[in-house]
C-alpha atoms as a PDB file:
ATOM      1  CA  MET A   1     143.406-170.132 170.415  1.00  0.00           C
ATOM      2  CA  GLY A   2     142.975-169.036 174.029  1.00  0.00           C
ATOM      3  CA  SER A   3     146.739-168.678 174.398  1.00  0.00           C
ATOM      4  CA  THR A   4     146.876-166.460 171.312  1.00  0.00           C
ATOM      5  CA  ASN A   5     144.149-164.175 172.683  1.00  0.00           C
ATOM      6  CA  VAL A   6     145.966-163.864 176.002  1.00  0.00           C
ATOM      7  CA  LYS A   7     149.174-162.929 174.201  1.00  0.00           C
ATOM      8  CA  ARG A   8     147.320-160.318 172.174  1.00  0.00           C
ATOM      9  CA  CYS A   9     145.802-158.827 175.336  1.00  0.00           C
ATOM     10  CA  ILE A  10     149.207-158.702 177.009  1.00  0.00           C
ATOM     11  CA  CYS A  11     150.730-157.051 173.939  1.00  0.00           C
ATOM     12  CA  SER A  12     147.917-154.499 173.770  1.00  0.00           C
ATOM     13  CA  PHE A  13     148.267-153.675 177.458  1.00  0.00           C
ATOM     14  CA  THR A  14     152.038-153.370 177.102  1.00  0.00           C
ATOM     15  CA  MET A  15     151.647-150.993 174.161  1.00  0.00           C
ATOM     16  CA  ILE A  16     149.260-148.804 176.176  1.00  0.00           C
ATOM     17  CA  VAL A  17     151.668-148.630 179.113  1.00  0.00           C
ATOM     18  CA  VAL A  18     154.682-147.928 176.882  1.00  0.00           C
ATOM     19  CA  SER A  19     152.738-145.236 175.047  1.00  0.00           C
ATOM     20  CA  ALA A  20     151.669-143.650 178.336  1.00  0.00           C
ATOM     21  CA  LEU A  21     155.198-143.636 179.735  1.00  0.00           C
ATOM     22  CA  SER A  22     156.504-142.189 176.467  1.00  0.00           C
ATOM     23  CA  ALA A  23     153.986-139.361 176.702  1.00  0.00           C
ATOM     24  CA  ILE A  24     155.242-138.508 180.180  1.00  0.00           C
ATOM     25  CA  GLU A  25     158.922-138.603 179.278  1.00  0.00           C
ATOM     26  CA  GLN A  26     158.551-136.572 176.063  1.00  0.00           C
ATOM     27  CA  GLU A  27     156.442-133.778 177.638  1.00  0.00           C
ATOM     28  CA  SER A  28     153.549-134.812 175.418  1.00  0.00           C
ATOM     29  CA  ASP A  29     150.110-133.218 175.548  1.00  0.00           C
ATOM     30  CA  ASP A  30     148.567-136.693 175.650  1.00  0.00           C
ATOM     31  CA  PHE A  31     146.480-136.470 178.810  1.00  0.00           C
ATOM     32  CA  SER A  32     144.542-139.668 178.244  1.00  0.00           C
ATOM     33  CA  VAL A  33     143.461-141.722 181.253  1.00  0.00           C
ATOM     34  CA  PRO A  34     146.246-144.333 180.768  1.00  0.00           C
ATOM     35  CA  SER A  35     148.892-141.588 180.601  1.00  0.00           C
ATOM     36  CA  ARG A  36     147.541-139.882 183.710  1.00  0.00           C
ATOM     37  CA  GLU A  37     147.363-143.146 185.645  1.00  0.00           C
ATOM     38  CA  ALA A  38     150.895-144.022 184.579  1.00  0.00           C
ATOM     39  CA  ALA A  39     152.099-140.646 185.825  1.00  0.00           C
ATOM     40  CA  LEU A  40     150.367-141.092 189.167  1.00  0.00           C
ATOM     41  CA  SER A  41     151.953-144.514 189.597  1.00  0.00           C
ATOM     42  CA  ARG A  42     155.395-143.040 188.897  1.00  0.00           C
ATOM     43  CA  LEU A  43     155.073-140.470 191.664  1.00  0.00           C
ATOM     44  CA  ASN A  44     156.299-143.285 193.900  1.00  0.00           C
ATOM     45  CA  ALA A  45     159.058-144.478 191.542  1.00  0.00           C
ATOM     46  CA  VAL A  46     162.519-145.317 192.870  1.00  0.00           C
ATOM     47  CA  SER A  47     164.113-143.049 190.276  1.00  0.00           C
ATOM     48  CA  ARG A  48     164.144-139.365 191.210  1.00  0.00           C
ATOM     49  CA  ARG A  49     164.042-138.484 187.519  1.00  0.00           C
ATOM     50  CA  ALA A  50     160.922-140.601 187.030  1.00  0.00           C
ATOM     51  CA  ARG A  51     159.206-138.896 189.969  1.00  0.00           C
ATOM     52  CA  HIS A  52     160.178-135.476 188.628  1.00  0.00           C
ATOM     53  CA  GLU A  53     158.954-136.229 185.094  1.00  0.00           C
ATOM     54  CA  ALA A  54     155.664-137.571 186.420  1.00  0.00           C
ATOM     55  CA  THR A  55     155.172-134.479 188.580  1.00  0.00           C
ATOM     56  CA  GLN A  56     155.907-132.155 185.653  1.00  0.00           C
ATOM     57  CA  TYR A  57     153.493-134.082 183.441  1.00  0.00           C
ATOM     58  CA  LEU A  58     150.711-133.816 186.038  1.00  0.00           C
ATOM     59  CA  THR A  59     151.451-130.106 186.439  1.00  0.00           C
ATOM     60  CA  ARG A  60     150.938-129.623 182.695  1.00  0.00           C
ATOM     61  CA  TRP A  61     147.719-131.604 182.890  1.00  0.00           C
ATOM     62  CA  ALA A  62     146.486-129.365 185.727  1.00  0.00           C
ATOM     63  CA  ASP A  63     147.214-126.327 183.555  1.00  0.00           C
ATOM     64  CA  GLN A  64     145.115-127.836 180.753  1.00  0.00           C
ATOM     65  CA  ASP A  65     142.225-129.246 182.797  1.00  0.00           C
ATOM     66  CA  ALA A  66     142.285-127.837 186.315  1.00  0.00           C
ATOM     67  CA  LEU A  67     138.876-129.167 187.344  1.00  0.00           C
ATOM     68  CA  SER A  68     139.590-132.807 186.457  1.00  0.00           C
ATOM     69  CA  ALA A  69     143.132-132.666 187.833  1.00  0.00           C
ATOM     70  CA  LYS A  70     141.963-131.171 191.107  1.00  0.00           C
ATOM     71  CA  LYS A  71     139.472-134.007 191.635  1.00  0.00           C
ATOM     72  CA  VAL A  72     142.122-136.663 190.969  1.00  0.00           C
ATOM     73  CA  PHE A  73     144.717-135.018 193.222  1.00  0.00           C
ATOM     74  CA  LEU A  74     142.174-134.624 196.036  1.00  0.00           C
ATOM     75  CA  GLN A  75     141.153-138.262 195.761  1.00  0.00           C
ATOM     76  CA  ASN A  76     144.751-139.470 195.905  1.00  0.00           C
ATOM     77  CA  LEU A  77     145.606-137.035 198.698  1.00  0.00           C
ATOM     78  CA  ASP A  78     143.036-138.732 200.919  1.00  0.00           C
ATOM     79  CA  GLN A  79     143.032-142.302 199.649  1.00  0.00           C
ATOM     80  CA  HIS A  80     146.326-143.345 198.054  1.00  0.00           C
ATOM     81  CA  PRO A  81     148.176-145.951 200.165  1.00  0.00           C
ATOM     82  CA  GLU A  82     151.651-144.564 199.364  1.00  0.00           C
ATOM     83  CA  PRO A  83     152.776-141.544 201.464  1.00  0.00           C
ATOM     84  CA  GLU A  84     155.022-140.307 198.626  1.00  0.00           C
ATOM     85  CA  VAL A  85     152.074-140.099 196.231  1.00  0.00           C
ATOM     86  CA  ARG A  86     149.912-138.332 198.812  1.00  0.00           C
ATOM     87  CA  GLU A  87     152.664-135.806 199.503  1.00  0.00           C
ATOM     88  CA  ARG A  88     153.241-135.065 195.820  1.00  0.00           C
ATOM     89  CA  CYS A  89     149.503-134.669 195.233  1.00  0.00           C
ATOM     90  CA  ARG A  90     149.476-132.210 198.112  1.00  0.00           C
ATOM     91  CA  TRP A  91     152.324-130.284 196.447  1.00  0.00           C
ATOM     92  CA  LEU A  92     150.433-130.250 193.130  1.00  0.00           C
ATOM     93  CA  LEU A  93     147.350-128.909 194.898  1.00  0.00           C
ATOM     94  CA  LYS A  94     149.452-126.196 196.552  1.00  0.00           C
ATOM     95  CA  CYS A  95     150.635-125.091 193.115  1.00  0.00           C
ATOM     96  CA  MET A  96     147.024-124.896 191.961  1.00  0.00           C
ATOM     97  CA  ALA A  97     146.081-122.882 195.051  1.00  0.00           C
ATOM     98  CA  VAL A  98     148.813-120.318 194.350  1.00  0.00           C
ATOM     99  CA  LYS A  99     147.605-119.933 190.755  1.00  0.00           C
ATOM    100  CA  ASP A 100     144.033-119.455 192.001  1.00  0.00           C
ATOM    101  CA  TYR A 101     145.002-116.732 194.490  1.00  0.00           C
ATOM    102  CA  ALA A 102     143.700-113.703 192.571  1.00  0.00           C
ATOM    103  CA  THR A 103     140.370-115.395 191.858  1.00  0.00           C
ATOM    104  CA  PHE A 104     139.748-117.042 195.233  1.00  0.00           C
ATOM    105  CA  GLY A 105     138.226-115.499 198.324  1.00  0.00           C
ATOM    106  CA  GLU A 106     136.521-112.213 199.079  1.00  0.00           C
ATOM    107  CA  GLY A 107     136.166-109.528 196.441  1.00  0.00           C
ATOM    108  CA  TYR A 108     138.403-106.451 196.569  1.00  0.00           C
ATOM    109  CA  LEU A 109     137.904-103.105 194.807  1.00  0.00           C
ATOM    110  CA  GLY A 110     140.841-101.147 196.210  1.00  0.00           C
ATOM    111  CA  VAL A 111     139.358 -97.837 197.360  1.00  0.00           C
ATOM    112  CA  SER A 112     138.920 -95.851 200.530  1.00  0.00           C
ATOM    113  CA  MET A 113     135.507 -94.294 201.023  1.00  0.00           C
ATOM    114  CA  GLY A 114     134.598 -91.271 203.076  1.00  0.00           C
ATOM    115  CA  GLU A 115     131.254 -89.736 203.908  1.00  0.00           C
ATOM    116  CA  GLU A 116     127.866 -91.030 202.926  1.00  0.00           C
ATOM    117  CA  TRP A 117     126.465 -89.054 199.991  1.00  0.00           C
ATOM    118  CA  GLN A 118     122.798 -88.398 199.265  1.00  0.00           C
ATOM    119  CA  GLY A 119     121.006 -86.749 196.374  1.00  0.00           C
ATOM    120  CA  MET A 120     118.644 -87.071 193.442  1.00  0.00           C
ATOM    121  CA  ILE A 121     119.769 -88.653 190.185  1.00  0.00           C
ATOM    122  CA  PRO A 122     117.878 -87.942 186.933  1.00  0.00           C
ATOM    123  CA  GLY A 123     115.335 -90.688 186.303  1.00  0.00           C
ATOM    124  CA  ASP A 124     114.957 -91.607 189.972  1.00  0.00           C
ATOM    125  CA  ASP A 125     111.795 -90.838 191.922  1.00  0.00           C
ATOM    126  CA  LYS A 126     113.475 -91.216 195.305  1.00  0.00           C
ATOM    127  CA  LYS A 127     116.635 -89.915 196.914  1.00  0.00           C
ATOM    128  CA  ARG A 128     119.656 -92.156 196.475  1.00  0.00           C
ATOM    129  CA  PHE A 129     122.546 -92.755 198.875  1.00  0.00           C
ATOM    130  CA  GLY A 130     126.141 -93.477 197.965  1.00  0.00           C
ATOM    131  CA  MET A 131     129.751 -93.470 199.145  1.00  0.00           C
ATOM    132  CA  VAL A 132     132.379 -90.955 198.081  1.00  0.00           C
ATOM    133  CA  VAL A 133     135.684 -92.422 196.857  1.00  0.00           C
ATOM    134  CA  THR A 134     138.440 -90.616 198.756  1.00  0.00           C
ATOM    135  CA  ALA A 135     141.475 -92.671 197.696  1.00  0.00           C
ATOM    136  CA  ILE A 136     142.369 -95.407 195.209  1.00  0.00           C
ATOM    137  CA  SER A 137     145.059 -98.055 195.574  1.00  0.00           C
ATOM    138  CA  GLU A 138     147.623 -98.083 192.788  1.00  0.00           C
ATOM    139  CA  GLY A 139     147.269-101.137 190.556  1.00  0.00           C
ATOM    140  CA  SER A 140     143.962-102.109 192.160  1.00  0.00           C
ATOM    141  CA  PRO A 141     140.829-103.169 190.256  1.00  0.00           C
ATOM    142  CA  ALA A 142     139.435 -99.669 190.840  1.00  0.00           C
ATOM    143  CA  ALA A 143     142.536 -98.065 189.333  1.00  0.00           C
ATOM    144  CA  GLN A 144     142.470-100.404 186.329  1.00  0.00           C
ATOM    145  CA  ALA A 145     138.794 -99.555 185.762  1.00  0.00           C
ATOM    146  CA  LYS A 146     139.745 -95.839 185.878  1.00  0.00           C
ATOM    147  CA  LEU A 147     137.642 -94.907 188.876  1.00  0.00           C
ATOM    148  CA  GLN A 148     138.510 -91.448 190.165  1.00  0.00           C
ATOM    149  CA  VAL A 149     138.810 -89.753 193.524  1.00  0.00           C
ATOM    150  CA  GLY A 150     135.562 -87.866 194.059  1.00  0.00           C
ATOM    151  CA  ASP A 151     133.439 -90.487 192.305  1.00  0.00           C
ATOM    152  CA  VAL A 152     130.329 -91.490 194.208  1.00  0.00           C
ATOM    153  CA  ILE A 153     129.358 -95.165 194.177  1.00  0.00           C
ATOM    154  CA  VAL A 154     125.551 -95.072 194.009  1.00  0.00           C
ATOM    155  CA  ALA A 155     124.753 -98.598 192.803  1.00  0.00           C
ATOM    156  CA  LEU A 156     126.161-102.104 192.684  1.00  0.00           C
ATOM    157  CA  GLY A 157     124.584-104.142 189.928  1.00  0.00           C
ATOM    158  CA  GLU A 158     120.835-103.538 190.066  1.00  0.00           C
ATOM    159  CA  HIS A 159     120.954-102.532 193.720  1.00  0.00           C
ATOM    160  CA  ALA A 160     120.734 -98.907 194.847  1.00  0.00           C
ATOM    161  CA  TRP A 161     120.516 -97.618 198.412  1.00  0.00           C
ATOM    162  CA  ARG A 162     117.427 -95.605 199.306  1.00  0.00           C
ATOM    163  CA  GLU A 163     117.849 -95.257 203.060  1.00  0.00           C
ATOM    164  CA  SER A 164     120.505 -93.530 205.132  1.00  0.00           C
ATOM    165  CA  GLN A 165     123.132 -95.668 206.874  1.00  0.00           C
ATOM    166  CA  VAL A 166     122.159 -98.898 205.056  1.00  0.00           C
ATOM    167  CA  ILE A 167     125.111 -98.535 202.689  1.00  0.00           C
ATOM    168  CA  LEU A 168     127.387 -98.477 205.756  1.00  0.00           C
ATOM    169  CA  ASP A 169     125.981-101.661 207.289  1.00  0.00           C
ATOM    170  CA  GLU A 170     128.739-104.180 208.071  1.00  0.00           C
ATOM    171  CA  LYS A 171     126.675-107.152 206.861  1.00  0.00           C
ATOM    172  CA  LYS A 172     124.555-105.674 204.055  1.00  0.00           C
ATOM    173  CA  GLY A 173     126.347-102.478 203.062  1.00  0.00           C
ATOM    174  CA  LEU A 174     128.549-101.689 200.072  1.00  0.00           C
ATOM    175  CA  SER A 175     131.802-103.143 201.435  1.00  0.00           C
ATOM    176  CA  ALA A 176     130.066-106.359 202.499  1.00  0.00           C
ATOM    177  CA  GLN A 177     128.467-106.747 199.074  1.00  0.00           C
ATOM    178  CA  ILE A 178     131.795-106.259 197.277  1.00  0.00           C
ATOM    179  CA  ARG A 179     133.390-108.948 199.423  1.00  0.00           C
ATOM    180  CA  ALA A 180     130.442-111.284 198.875  1.00  0.00           C
ATOM    181  CA  ILE A 181     130.683-111.050 195.078  1.00  0.00           C
ATOM    182  CA  GLY A 182     134.092-112.677 195.365  1.00  0.00           C
ATOM    183  CA  ALA A 183     137.493-112.491 193.711  1.00  0.00           C
ATOM    184  CA  GLY A 184     137.723-113.145 189.989  1.00  0.00           C
ATOM    185  CA  LYS A 185     134.152-111.941 189.419  1.00  0.00           C
ATOM    186  CA  LYS A 186     133.001-108.879 187.498  1.00  0.00           C
ATOM    187  CA  ALA A 187     130.881-106.256 189.226  1.00  0.00           C
ATOM    188  CA  GLN A 188     129.020-103.311 187.722  1.00  0.00           C
ATOM    189  CA  PHE A 189     129.144-100.105 189.736  1.00  0.00           C
ATOM    190  CA  GLY A 190     126.879 -97.115 189.245  1.00  0.00           C
ATOM    191  CA  ILE A 191     129.182 -94.086 189.468  1.00  0.00           C
ATOM    192  CA  TRP A 192     127.922 -90.518 189.907  1.00  0.00           C
ATOM    193  CA  ARG A 193     130.608 -88.292 188.413  1.00  0.00           C
ATOM    194  CA  LYS A 194     130.216 -84.607 187.596  1.00  0.00           C
ATOM    195  CA  SER A 195     126.421 -84.810 187.422  1.00  0.00           C
ATOM    196  CA  GLU A 196     126.520 -87.857 185.148  1.00  0.00           C
ATOM    197  CA  LEU A 197     125.610 -91.463 185.958  1.00  0.00           C
ATOM    198  CA  LEU A 198     128.195 -93.903 184.596  1.00  0.00           C
ATOM    199  CA  ILE A 199     128.256 -97.693 184.641  1.00  0.00           C
ATOM    200  CA  CYS A 200     131.745 -99.067 185.333  1.00  0.00           C
ATOM    201  CA  GLU A 201     132.480-102.785 185.098  1.00  0.00           C
ATOM    202  CA  VAL A 202     135.266-103.889 187.414  1.00  0.00           C
ATOM    203  CA  LEU A 203     137.026-107.254 187.660  1.00  0.00           C
ATOM    204  CA  LEU A 204     137.455-107.789 191.380  1.00  0.00           C
ATOM    205  CA  THR A 205     140.530-109.484 192.775  1.00  0.00           C
ATOM    206  CA  ARG A 206     141.178-111.134 196.140  1.00  0.00           C
ATOM    207  CA  ARG A 207     141.270-108.971 199.210  1.00  0.00           C
ATOM    208  CA  PRO A 208     144.496-109.946 200.993  1.00  0.00           C
ATOM    209  CA  LYS A 209     143.780-110.848 204.595  1.00  0.00           C
ATOM    210  CA  LEU A 210     147.130-109.284 205.468  1.00  0.00           C
ATOM    211  CA  LEU A 211     145.899-105.970 204.053  1.00  0.00           C
ATOM    212  CA  ASP A 212     145.218-104.718 207.572  1.00  0.00           C
ATOM    213  CA  GLN A 213     149.009-104.588 208.022  1.00  0.00           C
ATOM    214  CA  TRP A 214     149.177-102.122 205.136  1.00  0.00           C
ATOM    215  CA  ARG A 215     149.375 -98.491 206.179  1.00  0.00           C
ATOM    216  CA  PRO A 216     149.475 -96.534 202.919  1.00  0.00           C
ATOM    217  CA  GLN A 217     150.154 -92.833 202.550  1.00  0.00           C
ATOM    218  CA  ILE A 218     147.606 -90.740 200.663  1.00  0.00           C
ATOM    219  CA  GLN A 219     149.180 -88.629 197.922  1.00  0.00           C
ATOM    220  CA  PRO A 220     147.860 -85.188 196.874  1.00  0.00           C
ATOM    221  CA  ASN A 221     146.067 -86.784 193.889  1.00  0.00           C
ATOM    222  CA  GLY A 222     144.230 -89.158 196.215  1.00  0.00           C
ATOM    223  CA  MET A 223     146.129 -92.287 195.214  1.00  0.00           C
ATOM    224  CA  MET A 224     147.137 -94.614 198.030  1.00  0.00           C
ATOM    225  CA  LYS A 225     150.880 -95.053 197.920  1.00  0.00           C
ATOM    226  CA  LEU A 226     152.775 -98.053 199.223  1.00  0.00           C
ATOM    227  CA  ASP A 227     156.039 -99.460 198.059  1.00  0.00           C
ATOM    228  CA  GLN A 228     154.877-102.070 195.551  1.00  0.00           C
ATOM    229  CA  GLY A 229     157.622-104.393 196.716  1.00  0.00           C
ATOM    230  CA  GLU A 230     156.167-104.317 200.223  1.00  0.00           C
ATOM    231  CA  LEU A 231     152.651-104.947 198.932  1.00  0.00           C
ATOM    232  CA  GLN A 232     153.825-107.842 196.777  1.00  0.00           C
ATOM    233  CA  LYS A 233     155.688-109.218 199.778  1.00  0.00           C
ATOM    234  CA  LEU A 234     152.426-109.264 201.756  1.00  0.00           C
ATOM    235  CA  ILE A 235     150.591-110.982 198.900  1.00  0.00           C
ATOM    236  CA  ASP A 236     153.349-113.561 198.360  1.00  0.00           C
ATOM    237  CA  GLU A 237     153.454-114.279 202.081  1.00  0.00           C
ATOM    238  CA  GLU A 238     149.725-114.955 202.149  1.00  0.00           C
ATOM    239  CA  LYS A 239     149.455-116.986 198.947  1.00  0.00           C
ATOM    240  CA  ASN A 240     152.251-119.300 200.116  1.00  0.00           C
ATOM    241  CA  SER A 241     150.983-119.584 203.685  1.00  0.00           C
ATOM    242  CA  ALA A 242     149.608-122.750 205.251  1.00  0.00           C
ATOM    243  CA  ALA A 243     146.487-120.846 206.315  1.00  0.00           C
ATOM    244  CA  TYR A 244     145.645-119.798 202.755  1.00  0.00           C
ATOM    245  CA  PHE A 245     146.267-123.293 201.385  1.00  0.00           C
ATOM    246  CA  GLU A 246     144.043-124.830 204.058  1.00  0.00           C
ATOM    247  CA  GLU A 247     141.284-122.337 203.226  1.00  0.00           C
ATOM    248  CA  TRP A 248     141.602-123.171 199.519  1.00  0.00           C
ATOM    249  CA  LEU A 249     141.809-126.929 200.186  1.00  0.00           C
ATOM    250  CA  GLN A 250     138.658-127.025 202.312  1.00  0.00           C
ATOM    251  CA  LYS A 251     136.740-125.135 199.611  1.00  0.00           C
ATOM    252  CA  ALA A 252     138.076-127.526 196.945  1.00  0.00           C
ATOM    253  CA  LYS A 253     136.971-130.562 198.975  1.00  0.00           C
ATOM    254  CA  LYS A 254     133.540-129.045 199.549  1.00  0.00           C
ATOM    255  CA  ASP A 255     133.141-128.351 195.824  1.00  0.00           C
ATOM    256  CA  ALA A 256     134.232-131.905 194.972  1.00  0.00           C
ATOM    257  CA  LEU A 257     131.580-133.363 197.278  1.00  0.00           C
ATOM    258  CA  ALA A 258     128.928-131.146 195.696  1.00  0.00           C
ATOM    259  CA  ASP A 259     129.648-132.454 192.170  1.00  0.00           C
END
């Protein structure tokens, strides 16, 4: 009787393993725990094809459930005894970091701002201060939200500036607040345009740290012009850099510890 039960257990376990391996090989969407564990174990397989199939399977899983996949890859990156598995988990995390680029880091609107503006807006009982938009980057969040040169940014969310120079403050001013909101987040701007107060919702993207290398020309219509190939080159260079990945990785580890 005991022997029969043991055989049944062995058969059941074998069926689970075979099913898991089949899911990996056939590009299945079966992301059950046995299938995921089987894929992780095959990252160290002798066969190059087996390693490749396991990596592709885990990539698909990360696309479906990034949060769970990230936790597993981080755990194996730090704790797995096999160097090959740790290295492949690192590669999988790098792929996730690249995909997160536009939604990770400081917020970016994509405008140049000139003088501080001040004036009364209907409904207000106090003078309001704002910043005049003098140029807009092509393809930027500001351009996609149809902001215009000459617009005055007079509010960010519920916050309006009531004192001179505060909006220019490096730590608490408009630019600092945009960065603090973060990439991938929506922000509502109060826009004073032609004596009318508009509310514009903008999806911020990441502010490239290499942006300081960008020296755009201002066209007659106020749009900032840079060869888009050059801009994309700067972005690609940053998103594939070791510095960006390390920044992303440290944030991912911090988030994992907080869960």
